[in-house]
Amino acid sequence: MINELKTDINELKTDINELKTDVNGFKVDVTALKSQVSENTQILKALEHKIDVLKAEQEKSNNDIAHIQGDIMALRKDISNVEIITSSNWNDIAKLKAAK
């Protein structure tokens, strides 16, 4: 009977040691996971910042494009006016030549 109890106690000790080993393994795994989560969080924050920067740059580019389009339209209007005035001047020159 005592030998059986000693055997049972030894088996329990073995089981407890195995559980301790498993728990230590879990602790190592949890520590590694915490480290990975921390790293992933830092990467995510950096990516979010980069997205914000890119959005701001895109908005600035869109604004610049709108201004350039406005400038091009104004230049087209000015060129059109120059063409009309040039045509009128050529017409006046032709009249002056004809009057000679």
Protein backbone atom coordinates (compact mmCIF):
# COMPACT_ATOMS: atom_id res chain seq x y z
CA MET A 1 0.00 0.00 0.00
CA ILE A 2 2.80 2.48 0.90
CA ASN A 3 4.71 1.47 -2.21
CA GLU A 4 1.65 2.21 -4.31
CA LEU A 5 1.31 5.65 -2.69
CA LYS A 6 5.01 6.33 -3.31
CA THR A 7 4.55 5.28 -6.93
CA ASP A 8 1.46 7.50 -7.27
CA ILE A 9 3.31 10.43 -5.67
CA ASN A 10 6.27 9.93 -8.02
CA GLU A 11 3.90 9.85 -11.00
CA LEU A 12 2.25 13.05 -9.75
CA LYS A 13 5.65 14.70 -9.39
CA THR A 14 6.50 13.65 -12.94
CA ASP A 15 3.18 15.01 -14.19
CA ILE A 16 3.71 18.28 -12.30
CA ASN A 17 7.21 18.65 -13.77
CA GLU A 18 5.82 18.06 -17.26
CA LEU A 19 3.13 20.69 -16.59
CA LYS A 20 5.79 23.12 -15.38
CA THR A 21 7.76 22.51 -18.57
CA ASP A 22 4.62 23.07 -20.66
CA VAL A 23 3.79 26.28 -18.76
CA ASN A 24 7.35 27.56 -19.27
CA GLY A 25 7.01 26.80 -22.98
CA PHE A 26 3.75 28.74 -23.05
CA LYS A 27 5.42 31.66 -21.28
CA VAL A 28 8.13 31.74 -23.94
CA ASP A 29 5.50 31.58 -26.68
CA VAL A 30 3.45 34.38 -25.09
CA THR A 31 6.56 36.55 -24.74
CA ALA A 32 7.37 36.00 -28.42
CA LEU A 33 3.77 36.81 -29.38
CA LYS A 34 3.84 40.00 -27.31
CA SER A 35 7.04 41.05 -29.04
CA GLN A 36 5.57 40.30 -32.48
CA VAL A 37 2.35 42.18 -31.68
CA SER A 38 4.39 45.17 -30.51
CA GLU A 39 6.44 45.10 -33.72
CA ASN A 40 3.30 44.75 -35.85
CA THR A 41 1.72 47.69 -34.01
CA GLN A 42 4.76 49.87 -34.74
CA ILE A 43 4.68 48.85 -38.41
CA LEU A 44 0.95 49.58 -38.59
CA LYS A 45 1.42 53.03 -37.05
CA ALA A 46 4.22 53.79 -39.53
CA LEU A 47 2.01 52.67 -42.43
CA GLU A 48 -0.89 54.78 -41.18
CA HIS A 49 1.41 57.80 -40.99
CA LYS A 50 2.69 57.12 -44.51
CA ILE A 51 -0.90 56.88 -45.78
CA ASP A 52 -1.69 60.25 -44.17
CA VAL A 53 1.39 61.78 -45.81
CA LEU A 54 0.46 60.30 -49.19
CA LYS A 55 -3.12 61.57 -48.88
CA ALA A 56 -1.85 65.07 -48.14
CA GLU A 57 0.53 64.91 -51.11
CA GLN A 58 -2.28 63.67 -53.35
CA GLU A 59 -4.56 66.51 -52.25
CA LYS A 60 -1.77 69.01 -52.95
CA SER A 61 -1.19 67.45 -56.38
CA ASN A 62 -4.91 67.60 -57.16
CA ASN A 63 -4.97 71.25 -56.12
CA ASP A 64 -1.90 72.00 -58.26
CA ILE A 65 -3.50 70.25 -61.25
CA ALA A 66 -6.68 72.30 -60.84
CA HIS A 67 -4.61 75.52 -60.83
CA ILE A 68 -2.64 74.41 -63.88
CA GLN A 69 -5.87 73.61 -65.72
CA GLY A 70 -7.14 77.10 -64.88
CA ASP A 71 -3.90 78.64 -66.14
CA ILE A 72 -4.09 76.63 -69.38
CA MET A 73 -7.67 77.77 -69.97
CA ALA A 74 -6.59 81.40 -69.42
CA LEU A 75 -3.67 80.94 -71.84
CA ARG A 76 -6.00 79.45 -74.47
CA LYS A 77 -8.28 82.46 -74.11
CA ASP A 78 -5.31 84.84 -74.39
CA ILE A 79 -4.01 83.02 -77.49
CA SER A 80 -7.48 83.20 -79.01
CA ASN A 81 -7.56 86.95 -78.38
CA VAL A 82 -4.07 87.32 -79.90
CA GLU A 83 -5.27 85.40 -83.00
CA ILE A 84 -8.32 87.66 -83.33
CA ILE A 85 -6.26 90.84 -82.89
CA THR A 86 -3.61 89.55 -85.31
CA SER A 87 -6.29 88.81 -87.87
CA SER A 88 -7.74 92.28 -87.41
CA ASN A 89 -4.25 93.79 -87.79
CA TRP A 90 -3.66 91.81 -91.01
CA ASN A 91 -7.01 93.06 -92.26
CA ASP A 92 -6.02 96.66 -91.44
CA ILE A 93 -2.62 96.16 -93.14
CA ALA A 94 -4.34 94.81 -96.25
CA LYS A 95 -6.66 97.85 -96.31
CA LEU A 96 -3.69 100.22 -95.91
CA LYS A 97 -1.83 98.51 -98.74
CA ALA A 98 -4.90 98.71 -100.92
CA ALA A 99 -5.30 102.43 -100.17
CA LYS A 100 -1.79 103.26 -101.46
